[in-house]
Amino acid sequence: MRIAIFPGSFDPMHEGHIDIIKRASKLFDQLIVTISINTSKQHQTSLNERYTKVLEQVNQLGLDNVCVKINNGLTVEFAKKNKANYIVRSFRDNNDIEYEMTIASANYYLDKTIETILFAAEKDLKSKSSSSIKKMQQEIAILKNKK
């Protein structure tokens, strides 16, 4: 059975994430969307809030082979625990590729049985990122407060 995890902070989940979930779900028998903590990011919502929102969005897709779980530890350890041999990641540009290759190399060093599969973001979705969405939300809040 081909099992993959799609880890991310998903704070918030956006169209780019949804696109990757749809595409990856066609390649694997099971895809586990993995809500993780990224220590280099400042999260706006708690892990449990993100889990609830992501679960809601994933359920709306109606994909029987996709589930959502929380990961509090290392991605590779979570993959092993869930019998996943693949980690799904995505990239929008060259900066993302460099970052993802570094992470993939580290994961491969930790466990050579787990492969990282990189998906290129769809052209129309390349500008979507959780960080850009959060920034826009902050700017809207500032504008509302000025009124």
C-alpha atoms as a PDB file:
ATOM      1  CA  MET A   1       0.000   0.000   0.000  1.00  0.00           C
ATOM      2  CA  ARG A   2       1.373   3.432  -0.978  1.00  0.00           C
ATOM      3  CA  ILE A   3       0.916   5.784   1.978  1.00  0.00           C
ATOM      4  CA  ALA A   4       2.055   9.410   1.928  1.00  0.00           C
ATOM      5  CA  ILE A   5       1.939  12.278   4.363  1.00  0.00           C
ATOM      6  CA  PHE A   6       1.478  15.912   3.367  1.00  0.00           C
ATOM      7  CA  PRO A   7       2.904  17.888   6.304  1.00  0.00           C
ATOM      8  CA  GLY A   8       2.380  21.581   6.846  1.00  0.00           C
ATOM      9  CA  SER A   9       1.391  24.185   9.371  1.00  0.00           C
ATOM     10  CA  PHE A  10      -1.697  25.050   7.279  1.00  0.00           C
ATOM     11  CA  ASP A  11      -2.084  28.396   9.033  1.00  0.00           C
ATOM     12  CA  PRO A  12      -4.282  28.943   7.108  1.00  0.00           C
ATOM     13  CA  MET A  13      -4.933  26.254   4.529  1.00  0.00           C
ATOM     14  CA  HIS A  14      -5.364  27.777   1.063  1.00  0.00           C
ATOM     15  CA  GLU A  15      -6.163  26.852  -2.547  1.00  0.00           C
ATOM     16  CA  GLY A  16      -2.574  25.790  -3.206  1.00  0.00           C
ATOM     17  CA  HIS A  17      -2.761  23.221  -0.403  1.00  0.00           C
ATOM     18  CA  ILE A  18      -6.133  21.967  -1.656  1.00  0.00           C
ATOM     19  CA  ASP A  19      -4.703  21.558  -5.157  1.00  0.00           C
ATOM     20  CA  ILE A  20      -1.774  19.481  -3.855  1.00  0.00           C
ATOM     21  CA  ILE A  21      -4.138  17.306  -1.793  1.00  0.00           C
ATOM     22  CA  LYS A  22      -6.312  16.606  -4.835  1.00  0.00           C
ATOM     23  CA  ARG A  23      -3.323  15.807  -7.045  1.00  0.00           C
ATOM     24  CA  ALA A  24      -1.481  13.683  -4.463  1.00  0.00           C
ATOM     25  CA  SER A  25      -4.624  11.733  -3.558  1.00  0.00           C
ATOM     26  CA  LYS A  26      -4.619  10.342  -7.110  1.00  0.00           C
ATOM     27  CA  LEU A  27      -1.116   8.903  -6.701  1.00  0.00           C
ATOM     28  CA  PHE A  28      -1.345   7.265  -3.287  1.00  0.00           C
ATOM     29  CA  ASP A  29      -3.609   4.684  -1.691  1.00  0.00           C
ATOM     30  CA  GLN A  30      -3.729   6.854   1.420  1.00  0.00           C
ATOM     31  CA  LEU A  31      -2.758  10.496   1.955  1.00  0.00           C
ATOM     32  CA  ILE A  32      -2.428  11.810   5.493  1.00  0.00           C
ATOM     33  CA  VAL A  33      -2.650  15.591   5.690  1.00  0.00           C
ATOM     34  CA  THR A  34      -0.416  16.261   8.667  1.00  0.00           C
ATOM     35  CA  ILE A  35      -0.918  19.375  10.789  1.00  0.00           C
ATOM     36  CA  SER A  36       2.491  20.200  12.220  1.00  0.00           C
ATOM     37  CA  ILE A  37       4.166  22.825  14.349  1.00  0.00           C
ATOM     38  CA  ASN A  38       6.766  24.880  12.508  1.00  0.00           C
ATOM     39  CA  THR A  39       9.028  26.402  15.158  1.00  0.00           C
ATOM     40  CA  SER A  40      10.284  29.005  12.680  1.00  0.00           C
ATOM     41  CA  LYS A  41       6.765  30.380  12.201  1.00  0.00           C
ATOM     42  CA  GLN A  42       4.493  32.264  14.537  1.00  0.00           C
ATOM     43  CA  HIS A  43       1.105  30.579  14.314  1.00  0.00           C
ATOM     44  CA  GLN A  44      -2.077  32.654  14.474  1.00  0.00           C
ATOM     45  CA  THR A  45      -4.230  29.721  15.520  1.00  0.00           C
ATOM     46  CA  SER A  46      -3.651  26.750  17.795  1.00  0.00           C
ATOM     47  CA  LEU A  47      -2.824  23.286  16.532  1.00  0.00           C
ATOM     48  CA  ASN A  48      -6.312  22.053  17.437  1.00  0.00           C
ATOM     49  CA  GLU A  49      -8.004  24.995  15.690  1.00  0.00           C
ATOM     50  CA  ARG A  50      -5.958  24.340  12.561  1.00  0.00           C
ATOM     51  CA  TYR A  51      -6.814  20.638  12.742  1.00  0.00           C
ATOM     52  CA  THR A  52     -10.538  21.420  12.920  1.00  0.00           C
ATOM     53  CA  LYS A  53     -10.403  23.858   9.983  1.00  0.00           C
ATOM     54  CA  VAL A  54      -8.286  21.563   7.809  1.00  0.00           C
ATOM     55  CA  LEU A  55     -10.456  18.536   8.610  1.00  0.00           C
ATOM     56  CA  GLU A  56     -13.534  20.521   7.585  1.00  0.00           C
ATOM     57  CA  GLN A  57     -11.952  21.569   4.278  1.00  0.00           C
ATOM     58  CA  VAL A  58     -10.612  18.096   3.511  1.00  0.00           C
ATOM     59  CA  ASN A  59     -13.977  16.482   4.276  1.00  0.00           C
ATOM     60  CA  GLN A  60     -15.616  18.842   1.771  1.00  0.00           C
ATOM     61  CA  LEU A  61     -13.370  17.396  -0.946  1.00  0.00           C
ATOM     62  CA  GLY A  62     -14.997  13.981  -0.551  1.00  0.00           C
ATOM     63  CA  LEU A  63     -11.748  12.068  -1.047  1.00  0.00           C
ATOM     64  CA  ASP A  64     -12.054   8.681   0.669  1.00  0.00           C
ATOM     65  CA  ASN A  65      -8.302   8.067   0.764  1.00  0.00           C
ATOM     66  CA  VAL A  66      -7.418  11.334   2.547  1.00  0.00           C
ATOM     67  CA  CYS A  67      -7.397  11.832   6.312  1.00  0.00           C
ATOM     68  CA  VAL A  68      -6.099  14.525   8.670  1.00  0.00           C
ATOM     69  CA  LYS A  69      -3.859  13.978  11.699  1.00  0.00           C
ATOM     70  CA  ILE A  70      -1.803  16.097  14.091  1.00  0.00           C
ATOM     71  CA  ASN A  71       1.962  15.651  14.358  1.00  0.00           C
ATOM     72  CA  ASN A  72       3.802  16.976  17.411  1.00  0.00           C
ATOM     73  CA  GLY A  73       7.194  15.556  16.501  1.00  0.00           C
ATOM     74  CA  LEU A  74       9.613  14.950  13.657  1.00  0.00           C
ATOM     75  CA  THR A  75       8.057  14.452  10.236  1.00  0.00           C
ATOM     76  CA  VAL A  76      10.084  11.304   9.543  1.00  0.00           C
ATOM     77  CA  GLU A  77       9.063   9.748  12.862  1.00  0.00           C
ATOM     78  CA  PHE A  78       5.412  10.553  12.126  1.00  0.00           C
ATOM     79  CA  ALA A  79       5.749   8.981   8.674  1.00  0.00           C
ATOM     80  CA  LYS A  80       7.256   5.797  10.146  1.00  0.00           C
ATOM     81  CA  LYS A  81       4.582   5.601  12.842  1.00  0.00           C
ATOM     82  CA  ASN A  82       1.894   5.832  10.148  1.00  0.00           C
ATOM     83  CA  LYS A  83       3.668   3.391   7.779  1.00  0.00           C
ATOM     84  CA  ALA A  84       4.132   6.118   5.153  1.00  0.00           C
ATOM     85  CA  ASN A  85       6.987   5.778   2.687  1.00  0.00           C
ATOM     86  CA  TYR A  86       6.428   9.139   1.018  1.00  0.00           C
ATOM     87  CA  ILE A  87       6.414  12.764   2.105  1.00  0.00           C
ATOM     88  CA  VAL A  88       4.536  15.109  -0.218  1.00  0.00           C
ATOM     89  CA  ARG A  89       5.824  18.666  -0.465  1.00  0.00           C
ATOM     90  CA  SER A  90       5.310  21.482  -2.936  1.00  0.00           C
ATOM     91  CA  PHE A  91       7.214  24.440  -4.324  1.00  0.00           C
ATOM     92  CA  ARG A  92       6.343  27.724  -6.012  1.00  0.00           C
ATOM     93  CA  ASP A  93       9.764  29.011  -7.064  1.00  0.00           C
ATOM     94  CA  ASN A  94      13.523  28.418  -6.876  1.00  0.00           C
ATOM     95  CA  ASN A  95      13.703  29.585  -3.254  1.00  0.00           C
ATOM     96  CA  ASP A  96      11.131  26.965  -2.301  1.00  0.00           C
ATOM     97  CA  ILE A  97      13.030  24.289  -4.239  1.00  0.00           C
ATOM     98  CA  GLU A  98      16.254  25.003  -2.343  1.00  0.00           C
ATOM     99  CA  TYR A  99      14.431  24.919   0.997  1.00  0.00           C
ATOM    100  CA  GLU A 100      12.547  21.723   0.120  1.00  0.00           C
ATOM    101  CA  MET A 101      15.709  19.994  -1.112  1.00  0.00           C
ATOM    102  CA  THR A 102      17.425  20.776   2.193  1.00  0.00           C
ATOM    103  CA  ILE A 103      14.494  19.330   4.135  1.00  0.00           C
ATOM    104  CA  ALA A 104      14.271  16.299   1.822  1.00  0.00           C
ATOM    105  CA  SER A 105      17.996  15.598   2.272  1.00  0.00           C
ATOM    106  CA  ALA A 106      17.680  15.790   6.054  1.00  0.00           C
ATOM    107  CA  ASN A 107      14.673  13.468   6.023  1.00  0.00           C
ATOM    108  CA  TYR A 108      16.481  11.015   3.728  1.00  0.00           C
ATOM    109  CA  TYR A 109      19.477  11.066   6.068  1.00  0.00           C
ATOM    110  CA  LEU A 110      17.168  10.172   8.973  1.00  0.00           C
ATOM    111  CA  ASP A 111      15.389   7.382   7.075  1.00  0.00           C
ATOM    112  CA  LYS A 112      16.396   6.195   3.621  1.00  0.00           C
ATOM    113  CA  THR A 113      13.130   4.278   3.149  1.00  0.00           C
ATOM    114  CA  ILE A 114      11.072   7.480   3.052  1.00  0.00           C
ATOM    115  CA  GLU A 115      11.091   9.424  -0.219  1.00  0.00           C
ATOM    116  CA  THR A 116      10.087  13.058  -0.661  1.00  0.00           C
ATOM    117  CA  ILE A 117       7.863  13.793  -3.649  1.00  0.00           C
ATOM    118  CA  LEU A 118       7.816  17.435  -4.796  1.00  0.00           C
ATOM    119  CA  PHE A 119       4.817  18.904  -6.591  1.00  0.00           C
ATOM    120  CA  ALA A 120       5.152  22.107  -8.586  1.00  0.00           C
ATOM    121  CA  ALA A 121       2.476  24.637  -7.690  1.00  0.00           C
ATOM    122  CA  GLU A 122      -0.047  25.297 -10.434  1.00  0.00           C
ATOM    123  CA  LYS A 123       0.796  28.486 -12.316  1.00  0.00           C
ATOM    124  CA  ASP A 124      -2.379  30.253 -11.157  1.00  0.00           C
ATOM    125  CA  LEU A 125      -1.705  29.327  -7.520  1.00  0.00           C
ATOM    126  CA  LYS A 126       1.999  30.243  -7.259  1.00  0.00           C
ATOM    127  CA  SER A 127       1.235  33.509  -5.483  1.00  0.00           C
ATOM    128  CA  LYS A 128      -0.739  31.707  -2.763  1.00  0.00           C
ATOM    129  CA  SER A 129       1.018  31.180   0.527  1.00  0.00           C
ATOM    130  CA  SER A 130      -0.135  31.078   4.131  1.00  0.00           C
ATOM    131  CA  SER A 131       2.244  33.940   4.920  1.00  0.00           C
ATOM    132  CA  SER A 132       0.809  36.181   2.194  1.00  0.00           C
ATOM    133  CA  ILE A 133      -2.737  35.399   3.324  1.00  0.00           C
ATOM    134  CA  LYS A 134      -1.866  36.238   6.953  1.00  0.00           C
ATOM    135  CA  LYS A 135      -0.244  39.493   5.858  1.00  0.00           C
ATOM    136  CA  MET A 136      -3.337  40.444   3.862  1.00  0.00           C
ATOM    137  CA  GLN A 137      -5.574  39.603   6.838  1.00  0.00           C
ATOM    138  CA  GLN A 138      -3.429  41.822   9.084  1.00  0.00           C
ATOM    139  CA  GLU A 139      -3.605  44.704   6.609  1.00  0.00           C
ATOM    140  CA  ILE A 140      -7.390  44.382   6.368  1.00  0.00           C
ATOM    141  CA  ALA A 141      -7.627  44.414  10.174  1.00  0.00           C
ATOM    142  CA  ILE A 142      -5.489  47.578  10.321  1.00  0.00           C
ATOM    143  CA  LEU A 143      -7.688  49.282   7.722  1.00  0.00           C
ATOM    144  CA  LYS A 144     -10.849  48.298   9.610  1.00  0.00           C
ATOM    145  CA  ASN A 145      -9.417  49.716  12.842  1.00  0.00           C
ATOM    146  CA  LYS A 146      -8.650  53.042  11.141  1.00  0.00           C
ATOM    147  CA  LYS A 147     -12.319  53.567  10.279  1.00  0.00           C
END
